[in-house]
Amino acid sequence: VQLVESGGGLVQPGESLRLSCAASGFTFSSSAMSWYRQAPGKGRELVAAITSVGGSTKFADSVKGRFIISRDNAKNTVYLQMNSLKPEDTAVYYCNVGFRWPTVDWGQGTQVTVSS
């Protein structure tokens, strides 16, 4: 299993970013996927998850209404559209396989920094 996250960067509060996670080594189209984040000095938390065909999603309360998770099974890629970013969204973002908890080794993550 390989998960490669990309799309992070430095943005100002209120701006948007779209993260991508390219997956390989397993049957992506049959797998729920999720995004996690880890802020400095804090544990890793689930941000969003999506079922295998995208029929169901869930979000952490802190990002509801601002983040959108989606997937393209033809490209083996899951996305996280992050809007109205806040400084507290600053973290390293990771994707993983599963809807309720991570099930595979972590990738390298992508850094998101929200700062004016």
PDB file of N, CA and C in Angstrom:
ATOM      1  N   VAL A   1       0.845  -1.188   0.000  1.00  0.00           N
ATOM      2  CA  VAL A   1       0.000   0.000   0.000  1.00  0.00           C
ATOM      3  C   VAL A   1       0.881   1.238   0.000  1.00  0.00           C
ATOM      4  N   GLN A   2       0.533   2.168  -0.865  1.00  0.00           N
ATOM      5  CA  GLN A   2       1.247   3.442  -0.900  1.00  0.00           C
ATOM      6  C   GLN A   2       0.237   4.577  -0.959  1.00  0.00           C
ATOM      7  N   LEU A   3       0.427   5.554  -0.103  1.00  0.00           N
ATOM      8  CA  LEU A   3      -0.408   6.743  -0.062  1.00  0.00           C
ATOM      9  C   LEU A   3       0.498   7.953  -0.192  1.00  0.00           C
ATOM     10  N   VAL A   4       0.231   8.803  -1.182  1.00  0.00           N
ATOM     11  CA  VAL A   4       1.063   9.977  -1.422  1.00  0.00           C
ATOM     12  C   VAL A   4       0.186  11.211  -1.383  1.00  0.00           C
ATOM     13  N   GLU A   5       0.361  12.010  -0.341  1.00  0.00           N
ATOM     14  CA  GLU A   5      -0.409  13.234  -0.164  1.00  0.00           C
ATOM     15  C   GLU A   5       0.310  14.414  -0.814  1.00  0.00           C
ATOM     16  N   SER A   6      -0.473  15.351  -1.339  1.00  0.00           N
ATOM     17  CA  SER A   6       0.098  16.548  -1.950  1.00  0.00           C
ATOM     18  C   SER A   6      -0.920  17.675  -1.881  1.00  0.00           C
ATOM     19  N   GLY A   7      -0.451  18.881  -2.198  1.00  0.00           N
ATOM     20  CA  GLY A   7      -1.344  20.027  -2.285  1.00  0.00           C
ATOM     21  C   GLY A   7      -1.274  20.989  -1.121  1.00  0.00           C
ATOM     22  N   GLY A   8      -0.504  20.668  -0.115  1.00  0.00           N
ATOM     23  CA  GLY A   8      -0.381  21.564   1.017  1.00  0.00           C
ATOM     24  C   GLY A   8       0.383  22.828   0.666  1.00  0.00           C
ATOM     25  N   GLY A   9       0.424  23.748   1.621  1.00  0.00           N
ATOM     26  CA  GLY A   9       1.147  24.991   1.405  1.00  0.00           C
ATOM     27  C   GLY A   9       0.852  26.002   2.478  1.00  0.00           C
ATOM     28  N   LEU A  10       1.322  27.207   2.235  1.00  0.00           N
ATOM     29  CA  LEU A  10       1.106  28.319   3.152  1.00  0.00           C
ATOM     30  C   LEU A  10       0.022  29.220   2.564  1.00  0.00           C
ATOM     31  N   VAL A  11      -1.041  29.431   3.314  1.00  0.00           N
ATOM     32  CA  VAL A  11      -2.129  30.291   2.863  1.00  0.00           C
ATOM     33  C   VAL A  11      -2.528  31.235   3.986  1.00  0.00           C
ATOM     34  N   GLN A  12      -3.263  32.264   3.612  1.00  0.00           N
ATOM     35  CA  GLN A  12      -3.762  33.209   4.601  1.00  0.00           C
ATOM     36  C   GLN A  12      -5.134  32.755   5.104  1.00  0.00           C
ATOM     37  N   PRO A  13      -5.516  33.188   6.291  1.00  0.00           N
ATOM     38  CA  PRO A  13      -6.854  32.858   6.796  1.00  0.00           C
ATOM     39  C   PRO A  13      -7.931  33.254   5.794  1.00  0.00           C
ATOM     40  N   GLY A  14      -8.910  32.374   5.633  1.00  0.00           N
ATOM     41  CA  GLY A  14      -9.995  32.623   4.699  1.00  0.00           C
ATOM     42  C   GLY A  14      -9.781  32.052   3.311  1.00  0.00           C
ATOM     43  N   GLU A  15      -8.559  31.659   3.011  1.00  0.00           N
ATOM     44  CA  GLU A  15      -8.267  31.110   1.687  1.00  0.00           C
ATOM     45  C   GLU A  15      -8.582  29.614   1.638  1.00  0.00           C
ATOM     46  N   SER A  16      -8.369  29.046   0.457  1.00  0.00           N
ATOM     47  CA  SER A  16      -8.704  27.640   0.223  1.00  0.00           C
ATOM     48  C   SER A  16      -7.493  26.856  -0.269  1.00  0.00           C
ATOM     49  N   LEU A  17      -7.545  25.555  -0.061  1.00  0.00           N
ATOM     50  CA  LEU A  17      -6.556  24.620  -0.596  1.00  0.00           C
ATOM     51  C   LEU A  17      -7.276  23.324  -0.931  1.00  0.00           C
ATOM     52  N   ARG A  18      -6.754  22.616  -1.913  1.00  0.00           N
ATOM     53  CA  ARG A  18      -7.265  21.273  -2.198  1.00  0.00           C
ATOM     54  C   ARG A  18      -6.116  20.286  -2.082  1.00  0.00           C
ATOM     55  N   LEU A  19      -6.278  19.350  -1.186  1.00  0.00           N
ATOM     56  CA  LEU A  19      -5.302  18.284  -0.998  1.00  0.00           C
ATOM     57  C   LEU A  19      -5.686  17.077  -1.843  1.00  0.00           C
ATOM     58  N   SER A  20      -4.672  16.361  -2.290  1.00  0.00           N
ATOM     59  CA  SER A  20      -4.876  15.125  -3.039  1.00  0.00           C
ATOM     60  C   SER A  20      -4.116  13.988  -2.375  1.00  0.00           C
ATOM     61  N   CYS A  21      -4.652  12.807  -2.498  1.00  0.00           N
ATOM     62  CA  CYS A  21      -3.985  11.609  -1.994  1.00  0.00           C
ATOM     63  C   CYS A  21      -4.062  10.542  -3.078  1.00  0.00           C
ATOM     64  N   ALA A  22      -2.923  10.240  -3.659  1.00  0.00           N
ATOM     65  CA  ALA A  22      -2.843   9.203  -4.685  1.00  0.00           C
ATOM     66  C   ALA A  22      -2.562   7.867  -4.017  1.00  0.00           C
ATOM     67  N   ALA A  23      -3.417   6.893  -4.270  1.00  0.00           N
ATOM     68  CA  ALA A  23      -3.318   5.596  -3.590  1.00  0.00           C
ATOM     69  C   ALA A  23      -2.969   4.491  -4.578  1.00  0.00           C
ATOM     70  N   SER A  24      -2.245   3.503  -4.093  1.00  0.00           N
ATOM     71  CA  SER A  24      -1.908   2.344  -4.908  1.00  0.00           C
ATOM     72  C   SER A  24      -1.635   1.149  -4.004  1.00  0.00           C
ATOM     73  N   GLY A  25      -1.674  -0.037  -4.600  1.00  0.00           N
ATOM     74  CA  GLY A  25      -1.344  -1.242  -3.848  1.00  0.00           C
ATOM     75  C   GLY A  25      -2.507  -1.940  -3.190  1.00  0.00           C
ATOM     76  N   PHE A  26      -3.721  -1.451  -3.430  1.00  0.00           N
ATOM     77  CA  PHE A  26      -4.915  -2.102  -2.895  1.00  0.00           C
ATOM     78  C   PHE A  26      -6.076  -1.721  -3.807  1.00  0.00           C
ATOM     79  N   THR A  27      -7.223  -2.320  -3.554  1.00  0.00           N
ATOM     80  CA  THR A  27      -8.393  -2.056  -4.389  1.00  0.00           C
ATOM     81  C   THR A  27      -9.066  -0.780  -3.905  1.00  0.00           C
ATOM     82  N   PHE A  28      -8.650   0.314  -4.492  1.00  0.00           N
ATOM     83  CA  PHE A  28      -9.105   1.631  -4.038  1.00  0.00           C
ATOM     84  C   PHE A  28     -10.619   1.753  -4.137  1.00  0.00           C
ATOM     85  N   SER A  29     -11.190   1.301  -5.226  1.00  0.00           N
ATOM     86  CA  SER A  29     -12.621   1.516  -5.462  1.00  0.00           C
ATOM     87  C   SER A  29     -13.501   0.778  -4.456  1.00  0.00           C
ATOM     88  N   SER A  30     -12.931  -0.165  -3.731  1.00  0.00           N
ATOM     89  CA  SER A  30     -13.694  -0.919  -2.730  1.00  0.00           C
ATOM     90  C   SER A  30     -13.406  -0.461  -1.309  1.00  0.00           C
ATOM     91  N   SER A  31     -12.621   0.577  -1.181  1.00  0.00           N
ATOM     92  CA  SER A  31     -12.131   0.993   0.129  1.00  0.00           C
ATOM     93  C   SER A  31     -12.632   2.370   0.525  1.00  0.00           C
ATOM     94  N   ALA A  32     -13.128   2.473   1.757  1.00  0.00           N
ATOM     95  CA  ALA A  32     -13.384   3.801   2.309  1.00  0.00           C
ATOM     96  C   ALA A  32     -12.047   4.496   2.525  1.00  0.00           C
ATOM     97  N   MET A  33     -12.062   5.813   2.452  1.00  0.00           N
ATOM     98  CA  MET A  33     -10.844   6.593   2.623  1.00  0.00           C
ATOM     99  C   MET A  33     -11.097   7.715   3.605  1.00  0.00           C
ATOM    100  N   SER A  34     -10.040   8.196   4.192  1.00  0.00           N
ATOM    101  CA  SER A  34     -10.179   9.229   5.208  1.00  0.00           C
ATOM    102  C   SER A  34      -8.992  10.166   5.187  1.00  0.00           C
ATOM    103  N   TRP A  35      -9.210  11.347   5.746  1.00  0.00           N
ATOM    104  CA  TRP A  35      -8.150  12.330   5.951  1.00  0.00           C
ATOM    105  C   TRP A  35      -7.998  12.561   7.452  1.00  0.00           C
ATOM    106  N   TYR A  36      -6.754  12.644   7.892  1.00  0.00           N
ATOM    107  CA  TYR A  36      -6.417  12.950   9.270  1.00  0.00           C
ATOM    108  C   TYR A  36      -5.490  14.157   9.274  1.00  0.00           C
ATOM    109  N   ARG A  37      -5.329  14.748  10.433  1.00  0.00           N
ATOM    110  CA  ARG A  37      -4.333  15.810  10.561  1.00  0.00           C
ATOM    111  C   ARG A  37      -3.691  15.744  11.940  1.00  0.00           C
ATOM    112  N   GLN A  38      -2.485  16.264  11.993  1.00  0.00           N
ATOM    113  CA  GLN A  38      -1.763  16.327  13.254  1.00  0.00           C
ATOM    114  C   GLN A  38      -1.120  17.693  13.385  1.00  0.00           C
ATOM    115  N   ALA A  39      -1.607  18.447  14.341  1.00  0.00           N
ATOM    116  CA  ALA A  39      -1.061  19.773  14.611  1.00  0.00           C
ATOM    117  C   ALA A  39       0.131  19.634  15.553  1.00  0.00           C
ATOM    118  N   PRO A  40       1.006  20.627  15.572  1.00  0.00           N
ATOM    119  CA  PRO A  40       2.185  20.560  16.450  1.00  0.00           C
ATOM    120  C   PRO A  40       1.783  20.327  17.905  1.00  0.00           C
ATOM    121  N   GLY A  41       2.382  19.317  18.512  1.00  0.00           N
ATOM    122  CA  GLY A  41       2.130  19.045  19.912  1.00  0.00           C
ATOM    123  C   GLY A  41       0.816  18.346  20.210  1.00  0.00           C
ATOM    124  N   LYS A  42       0.096  17.939  19.172  1.00  0.00           N
ATOM    125  CA  LYS A  42      -1.200  17.291  19.368  1.00  0.00           C
ATOM    126  C   LYS A  42      -1.229  15.931  18.699  1.00  0.00           C
ATOM    127  N   GLY A  43      -2.218  15.152  19.064  1.00  0.00           N
ATOM    128  CA  GLY A  43      -2.386  13.851  18.458  1.00  0.00           C
ATOM    129  C   GLY A  43      -3.016  13.945  17.086  1.00  0.00           C
ATOM    130  N   ARG A  44      -2.996  12.852  16.365  1.00  0.00           N
ATOM    131  CA  ARG A  44      -3.591  12.808  15.039  1.00  0.00           C
ATOM    132  C   ARG A  44      -5.106  12.656  15.181  1.00  0.00           C
ATOM    133  N   GLU A  45      -5.845  13.447  14.414  1.00  0.00           N
ATOM    134  CA  GLU A  45      -7.303  13.394  14.508  1.00  0.00           C
ATOM    135  C   GLU A  45      -7.922  13.173  13.139  1.00  0.00           C
ATOM    136  N   LEU A  46      -9.063  12.496  13.164  1.00  0.00           N
ATOM    137  CA  LEU A  46      -9.817  12.268  11.930  1.00  0.00           C
ATOM    138  C   LEU A  46     -10.486  13.576  11.513  1.00  0.00           C
ATOM    139  N   VAL A  47     -10.295  13.944  10.267  1.00  0.00           N
ATOM    140  CA  VAL A  47     -10.879  15.170   9.731  1.00  0.00           C
ATOM    141  C   VAL A  47     -12.118  14.865   8.891  1.00  0.00           C
ATOM    142  N   ALA A  48     -11.996  13.884   8.011  1.00  0.00           N
ATOM    143  CA  ALA A  48     -13.097  13.567   7.106  1.00  0.00           C
ATOM    144  C   ALA A  48     -12.931  12.148   6.582  1.00  0.00           C
ATOM    145  N   ALA A  49     -14.035  11.539   6.210  1.00  0.00           N
ATOM    146  CA  ALA A  49     -13.992  10.197   5.646  1.00  0.00           C
ATOM    147  C   ALA A  49     -15.079  10.049   4.601  1.00  0.00           C
ATOM    148  N   ILE A  50     -14.848   9.114   3.680  1.00  0.00           N
ATOM    149  CA  ILE A  50     -15.800   8.893   2.590  1.00  0.00           C
ATOM    150  C   ILE A  50     -15.863   7.404   2.298  1.00  0.00           C
ATOM    151  N   THR A  51     -17.048   6.908   2.022  1.00  0.00           N
ATOM    152  CA  THR A  51     -17.201   5.497   1.714  1.00  0.00           C
ATOM    153  C   THR A  51     -16.669   5.182   0.319  1.00  0.00           C
ATOM    154  N   SER A  52     -16.650   3.917  -0.019  1.00  0.00           N
ATOM    155  CA  SER A  52     -15.984   3.471  -1.241  1.00  0.00           C
ATOM    156  C   SER A  52     -16.561   4.082  -2.511  1.00  0.00           C
ATOM    157  N   VAL A  53     -17.869   4.266  -2.558  1.00  0.00           N
ATOM    158  CA  VAL A  53     -18.469   4.861  -3.748  1.00  0.00           C
ATOM    159  C   VAL A  53     -18.901   6.301  -3.499  1.00  0.00           C
ATOM    160  N   GLY A  54     -18.508   6.831  -2.381  1.00  0.00           N
ATOM    161  CA  GLY A  54     -18.773   8.231  -2.095  1.00  0.00           C
ATOM    162  C   GLY A  54     -20.186   8.534  -1.638  1.00  0.00           C
ATOM    163  N   GLY A  55     -20.932   7.486  -1.290  1.00  0.00           N
ATOM    164  CA  GLY A  55     -22.311   7.725  -0.912  1.00  0.00           C
ATOM    165  C   GLY A  55     -22.497   8.292   0.468  1.00  0.00           C
ATOM    166  N   SER A  56     -21.473   8.185   1.300  1.00  0.00           N
ATOM    167  CA  SER A  56     -21.578   8.683   2.664  1.00  0.00           C
ATOM    168  C   SER A  56     -20.264   9.329   3.069  1.00  0.00           C
ATOM    169  N   THR A  57     -20.378  10.446   3.774  1.00  0.00           N
ATOM    170  CA  THR A  57     -19.200  11.149   4.268  1.00  0.00           C
ATOM    171  C   THR A  57     -19.421  11.541   5.719  1.00  0.00           C
ATOM    172  N   LYS A  58     -18.325  11.830   6.397  1.00  0.00           N
ATOM    173  CA  LYS A  58     -18.426  12.379   7.751  1.00  0.00           C
ATOM    174  C   LYS A  58     -17.270  13.330   7.965  1.00  0.00           C
ATOM    175  N   PHE A  59     -17.477  14.262   8.891  1.00  0.00           N
ATOM    176  CA  PHE A  59     -16.496  15.310   9.131  1.00  0.00           C
ATOM    177  C   PHE A  59     -16.362  15.574  10.622  1.00  0.00           C
ATOM    178  N   ALA A  60     -15.178  15.991  11.019  1.00  0.00           N
ATOM    179  CA  ALA A  60     -14.994  16.485  12.378  1.00  0.00           C
ATOM    180  C   ALA A  60     -15.822  17.760  12.540  1.00  0.00           C
ATOM    181  N   ASP A  61     -16.325  17.972  13.729  1.00  0.00           N
ATOM    182  CA  ASP A  61     -17.147  19.162  13.973  1.00  0.00           C
ATOM    183  C   ASP A  61     -16.406  20.445  13.612  1.00  0.00           C
ATOM    184  N   SER A  62     -15.106  20.445  13.830  1.00  0.00           N
ATOM    185  CA  SER A  62     -14.310  21.657  13.613  1.00  0.00           C
ATOM    186  C   SER A  62     -14.210  22.055  12.148  1.00  0.00           C
ATOM    187  N   VAL A  63     -14.530  21.144  11.224  1.00  0.00           N
ATOM    188  CA  VAL A  63     -14.393  21.460   9.797  1.00  0.00           C
ATOM    189  C   VAL A  63     -15.713  21.363   9.043  1.00  0.00           C
ATOM    190  N   LYS A  64     -16.771  20.969   9.716  1.00  0.00           N
ATOM    191  CA  LYS A  64     -18.065  20.847   9.044  1.00  0.00           C
ATOM    192  C   LYS A  64     -18.475  22.167   8.418  1.00  0.00           C
ATOM    193  N   GLY A  65     -18.945  22.080   7.175  1.00  0.00           N
ATOM    194  CA  GLY A  65     -19.361  23.273   6.454  1.00  0.00           C
ATOM    195  C   GLY A  65     -18.235  24.000   5.753  1.00  0.00           C
ATOM    196  N   ARG A  66     -16.993  23.614   6.034  1.00  0.00           N
ATOM    197  CA  ARG A  66     -15.844  24.264   5.396  1.00  0.00           C
ATOM    198  C   ARG A  66     -15.053  23.304   4.507  1.00  0.00           C
ATOM    199  N   PHE A  67     -14.986  22.051   4.878  1.00  0.00           N
ATOM    200  CA  PHE A  67     -14.206  21.054   4.141  1.00  0.00           C
ATOM    201  C   PHE A  67     -15.138  20.121   3.376  1.00  0.00           C
ATOM    202  N   ILE A  68     -14.656  19.667   2.229  1.00  0.00           N
ATOM    203  CA  ILE A  68     -15.386  18.702   1.417  1.00  0.00           C
ATOM    204  C   ILE A  68     -14.437  17.568   1.054  1.00  0.00           C
ATOM    205  N   ILE A  69     -14.873  16.348   1.258  1.00  0.00           N
ATOM    206  CA  ILE A  69     -14.078  15.196   0.845  1.00  0.00           C
ATOM    207  C   ILE A  69     -14.729  14.578  -0.386  1.00  0.00           C
ATOM    208  N   SER A  70     -13.907  14.187  -1.342  1.00  0.00           N
ATOM    209  CA  SER A  70     -14.420  13.554  -2.549  1.00  0.00           C
ATOM    210  C   SER A  70     -13.389  12.552  -3.057  1.00  0.00           C
ATOM    211  N   ARG A  71     -13.773  11.794  -4.058  1.00  0.00           N
ATOM    212  CA  ARG A  71     -12.856  10.787  -4.585  1.00  0.00           C
ATOM    213  C   ARG A  71     -13.114  10.571  -6.058  1.00  0.00           C
ATOM    214  N   ASP A  72     -12.078  10.121  -6.733  1.00  0.00           N
ATOM    215  CA  ASP A  72     -12.172   9.751  -8.140  1.00  0.00           C
ATOM    216  C   ASP A  72     -11.632   8.329  -8.230  1.00  0.00           C
ATOM    217  N   ASN A  73     -12.512   7.363  -8.300  1.00  0.00           N
ATOM    218  CA  ASN A  73     -12.076   5.964  -8.305  1.00  0.00           C
ATOM    219  C   ASN A  73     -11.328   5.606  -9.588  1.00  0.00           C
ATOM    220  N   ALA A  74     -11.550   6.336 -10.647  1.00  0.00           N
ATOM    221  CA  ALA A  74     -10.823   6.081 -11.892  1.00  0.00           C
ATOM    222  C   ALA A  74      -9.362   6.503 -11.777  1.00  0.00           C
ATOM    223  N   LYS A  75      -9.109   7.443 -10.882  1.00  0.00           N
ATOM    224  CA  LYS A  75      -7.740   7.939 -10.695  1.00  0.00           C
ATOM    225  C   LYS A  75      -7.113   7.451  -9.392  1.00  0.00           C
ATOM    226  N   ASN A  76      -7.843   6.629  -8.648  1.00  0.00           N
ATOM    227  CA  ASN A  76      -7.343   6.147  -7.346  1.00  0.00           C
ATOM    228  C   ASN A  76      -6.891   7.303  -6.464  1.00  0.00           C
ATOM    229  N   THR A  77      -7.702   8.333  -6.414  1.00  0.00           N
ATOM    230  CA  THR A  77      -7.331   9.543  -5.686  1.00  0.00           C
ATOM    231  C   THR A  77      -8.486  10.025  -4.829  1.00  0.00           C
ATOM    232  N   VAL A  78      -8.153  10.445  -3.625  1.00  0.00           N
ATOM    233  CA  VAL A  78      -9.126  11.074  -2.739  1.00  0.00           C
ATOM    234  C   VAL A  78      -8.673  12.516  -2.507  1.00  0.00           C
ATOM    235  N   TYR A  79      -9.650  13.411  -2.403  1.00  0.00           N
ATOM    236  CA  TYR A  79      -9.373  14.834  -2.292  1.00  0.00           C
ATOM    237  C   TYR A  79      -9.947  15.396  -0.997  1.00  0.00           C
ATOM    238  N   LEU A  80      -9.354  16.492  -0.552  1.00  0.00           N
ATOM    239  CA  LEU A  80      -9.912  17.258   0.557  1.00  0.00           C
ATOM    240  C   LEU A  80      -9.890  18.721   0.152  1.00  0.00           C
ATOM    241  N   GLN A  81     -11.069  19.245  -0.135  1.00  0.00           N
ATOM    242  CA  GLN A  81     -11.203  20.665  -0.447  1.00  0.00           C
ATOM    243  C   GLN A  81     -11.390  21.405   0.865  1.00  0.00           C
ATOM    244  N   MET A  82     -10.503  22.322   1.145  1.00  0.00           N
ATOM    245  CA  MET A  82     -10.531  23.053   2.417  1.00  0.00           C
ATOM    246  C   MET A  82     -10.794  24.524   2.133  1.00  0.00           C
ATOM    247  N   ASN A  83     -11.918  24.999   2.599  1.00  0.00           N
ATOM    248  CA  ASN A  83     -12.316  26.384   2.388  1.00  0.00           C
ATOM    249  C   ASN A  83     -12.335  27.142   3.717  1.00  0.00           C
ATOM    250  N   SER A  84     -12.304  28.455   3.604  1.00  0.00           N
ATOM    251  CA  SER A  84     -12.366  29.307   4.803  1.00  0.00           C
ATOM    252  C   SER A  84     -11.371  28.837   5.865  1.00  0.00           C
ATOM    253  N   LEU A  85     -10.154  28.655   5.445  1.00  0.00           N
ATOM    254  CA  LEU A  85      -9.146  28.105   6.346  1.00  0.00           C
ATOM    255  C   LEU A  85      -8.858  29.040   7.513  1.00  0.00           C
ATOM    256  N   LYS A  86      -8.586  28.423   8.650  1.00  0.00           N
ATOM    257  CA  LYS A  86      -8.304  29.141   9.881  1.00  0.00           C
ATOM    258  C   LYS A  86      -6.910  28.767  10.378  1.00  0.00           C
ATOM    259  N   PRO A  87      -6.300  29.612  11.198  1.00  0.00           N
ATOM    260  CA  PRO A  87      -4.976  29.249  11.742  1.00  0.00           C
ATOM    261  C   PRO A  87      -4.982  27.905  12.468  1.00  0.00           C
ATOM    262  N   GLU A  88      -6.090  27.564  13.097  1.00  0.00           N
ATOM    263  CA  GLU A  88      -6.158  26.292  13.818  1.00  0.00           C
ATOM    264  C   GLU A  88      -6.235  25.076  12.893  1.00  0.00           C
ATOM    265  N   ASP A  89      -6.347  25.310  11.594  1.00  0.00           N
ATOM    266  CA  ASP A  89      -6.278  24.203  10.630  1.00  0.00           C
ATOM    267  C   ASP A  89      -4.834  23.838  10.294  1.00  0.00           C
ATOM    268  N   THR A  90      -3.895  24.617  10.789  1.00  0.00           N
ATOM    269  CA  THR A  90      -2.485  24.334  10.546  1.00  0.00           C
ATOM    270  C   THR A  90      -2.106  22.978  11.108  1.00  0.00           C
ATOM    271  N   ALA A  91      -1.585  22.119  10.247  1.00  0.00           N
ATOM    272  CA  ALA A  91      -1.253  20.748  10.634  1.00  0.00           C
ATOM    273  C   ALA A  91      -0.613  20.040   9.451  1.00  0.00           C
ATOM    274  N   VAL A  92      -0.085  18.857   9.722  1.00  0.00           N
ATOM    275  CA  VAL A  92       0.279  17.944   8.646  1.00  0.00           C
ATOM    276  C   VAL A  92      -0.942  17.072   8.380  1.00  0.00           C
ATOM    277  N   TYR A  93      -1.327  16.989   7.129  1.00  0.00           N
ATOM    278  CA  TYR A  93      -2.516  16.243   6.728  1.00  0.00           C
ATOM    279  C   TYR A  93      -2.105  14.926   6.076  1.00  0.00           C
ATOM    280  N   TYR A  94      -2.799  13.871   6.488  1.00  0.00           N
ATOM    281  CA  TYR A  94      -2.521  12.521   6.002  1.00  0.00           C
ATOM    282  C   TYR A  94      -3.816  11.881   5.509  1.00  0.00           C
ATOM    283  N   CYS A  95      -3.698  11.011   4.536  1.00  0.00           N
ATOM    284  CA  CYS A  95      -4.843  10.184   4.179  1.00  0.00           C
ATOM    285  C   CYS A  95      -4.586   8.752   4.666  1.00  0.00           C
ATOM    286  N   ASN A  96      -5.653   7.981   4.741  1.00  0.00           N
ATOM    287  CA  ASN A  96      -5.533   6.585   5.143  1.00  0.00           C
ATOM    288  C   ASN A  96      -6.733   5.815   4.625  1.00  0.00           C
ATOM    289  N   VAL A  97      -6.652   4.527   4.730  1.00  0.00           N
ATOM    290  CA  VAL A  97      -7.717   3.645   4.266  1.00  0.00           C
ATOM    291  C   VAL A  97      -8.634   3.322   5.437  1.00  0.00           C
ATOM    292  N   GLY A  98      -9.939   3.436   5.207  1.00  0.00           N
ATOM    293  CA  GLY A  98     -10.895   3.132   6.268  1.00  0.00           C
ATOM    294  C   GLY A  98     -11.813   4.294   6.543  1.00  0.00           C
ATOM    295  N   PHE A  99     -12.953   3.997   7.184  1.00  0.00           N
ATOM    296  CA  PHE A  99     -13.939   5.033   7.476  1.00  0.00           C
ATOM    297  C   PHE A  99     -13.937   5.441   8.937  1.00  0.00           C
ATOM    298  N   ARG A 100     -13.610   4.501   9.823  1.00  0.00           N
ATOM    299  CA  ARG A 100     -13.679   4.789  11.256  1.00  0.00           C
ATOM    300  C   ARG A 100     -12.304   4.937  11.888  1.00  0.00           C
ATOM    301  N   TRP A 101     -11.312   4.216  11.401  1.00  0.00           N
ATOM    302  CA  TRP A 101      -9.958   4.302  11.957  1.00  0.00           C
ATOM    303  C   TRP A 101      -8.967   3.963  10.871  1.00  0.00           C
ATOM    304  N   PRO A 102      -7.709   4.357  11.054  1.00  0.00           N
ATOM    305  CA  PRO A 102      -6.694   4.063  10.034  1.00  0.00           C
ATOM    306  C   PRO A 102      -6.372   2.584  10.010  1.00  0.00           C
ATOM    307  N   THR A 103      -6.088   2.060   8.840  1.00  0.00           N
ATOM    308  CA  THR A 103      -5.850   0.625   8.693  1.00  0.00           C
ATOM    309  C   THR A 103      -4.531   0.277   8.024  1.00  0.00           C
ATOM    310  N   VAL A 104      -3.823   1.289   7.533  1.00  0.00           N
ATOM    311  CA  VAL A 104      -2.550   1.023   6.864  1.00  0.00           C
ATOM    312  C   VAL A 104      -1.503   2.007   7.378  1.00  0.00           C
ATOM    313  N   ASP A 105      -0.262   1.759   7.006  1.00  0.00           N
ATOM    314  CA  ASP A 105       0.825   2.655   7.407  1.00  0.00           C
ATOM    315  C   ASP A 105       0.613   4.046   6.816  1.00  0.00           C
ATOM    316  N   TRP A 106       1.104   5.032   7.534  1.00  0.00           N
ATOM    317  CA  TRP A 106       0.934   6.404   7.087  1.00  0.00           C
ATOM    318  C   TRP A 106       1.900   6.773   5.966  1.00  0.00           C
ATOM    319  N   GLY A 107       1.465   7.690   5.108  1.00  0.00           N
ATOM    320  CA  GLY A 107       2.351   8.285   4.134  1.00  0.00           C
ATOM    321  C   GLY A 107       3.138   9.416   4.767  1.00  0.00           C
ATOM    322  N   GLN A 108       3.741  10.239   3.931  1.00  0.00           N
ATOM    323  CA  GLN A 108       4.590  11.313   4.458  1.00  0.00           C
ATOM    324  C   GLN A 108       3.781  12.537   4.872  1.00  0.00           C
ATOM    325  N   GLY A 109       2.525  12.611   4.434  1.00  0.00           N
ATOM    326  CA  GLY A 109       1.686  13.757   4.768  1.00  0.00           C
ATOM    327  C   GLY A 109       2.041  14.988   3.951  1.00  0.00           C
ATOM    328  N   THR A 110       1.188  15.992   4.083  1.00  0.00           N
ATOM    329  CA  THR A 110       1.433  17.271   3.419  1.00  0.00           C
ATOM    330  C   THR A 110       1.139  18.386   4.417  1.00  0.00           C
ATOM    331  N   GLN A 111       2.046  19.346   4.496  1.00  0.00           N
ATOM    332  CA  GLN A 111       1.954  20.416   5.487  1.00  0.00           C
ATOM    333  C   GLN A 111       1.004  21.507   5.006  1.00  0.00           C
ATOM    334  N   VAL A 112       0.087  21.875   5.868  1.00  0.00           N
ATOM    335  CA  VAL A 112      -0.799  23.010   5.630  1.00  0.00           C
ATOM    336  C   VAL A 112      -0.547  24.027   6.725  1.00  0.00           C
ATOM    337  N   THR A 113      -0.210  25.243   6.316  1.00  0.00           N
ATOM    338  CA  THR A 113       0.032  26.322   7.268  1.00  0.00           C
ATOM    339  C   THR A 113      -0.886  27.490   6.921  1.00  0.00           C
ATOM    340  N   VAL A 114      -1.678  27.886   7.900  1.00  0.00           N
ATOM    341  CA  VAL A 114      -2.591  29.008   7.710  1.00  0.00           C
ATOM    342  C   VAL A 114      -2.123  30.148   8.605  1.00  0.00           C
ATOM    343  N   SER A 115      -1.656  31.195   7.985  1.00  0.00           N
ATOM    344  CA  SER A 115      -1.084  32.290   8.750  1.00  0.00           C
ATOM    345  C   SER A 115      -1.122  33.572   7.937  1.00  0.00           C
ATOM    346  N   SER A 116      -1.333  34.670   8.639  1.00  0.00           N
ATOM    347  CA  SER A 116      -1.303  35.966   7.969  1.00  0.00           C
ATOM    348  C   SER A 116       0.099  36.572   8.054  1.00  0.00           C
TER     349      SER A 116
END
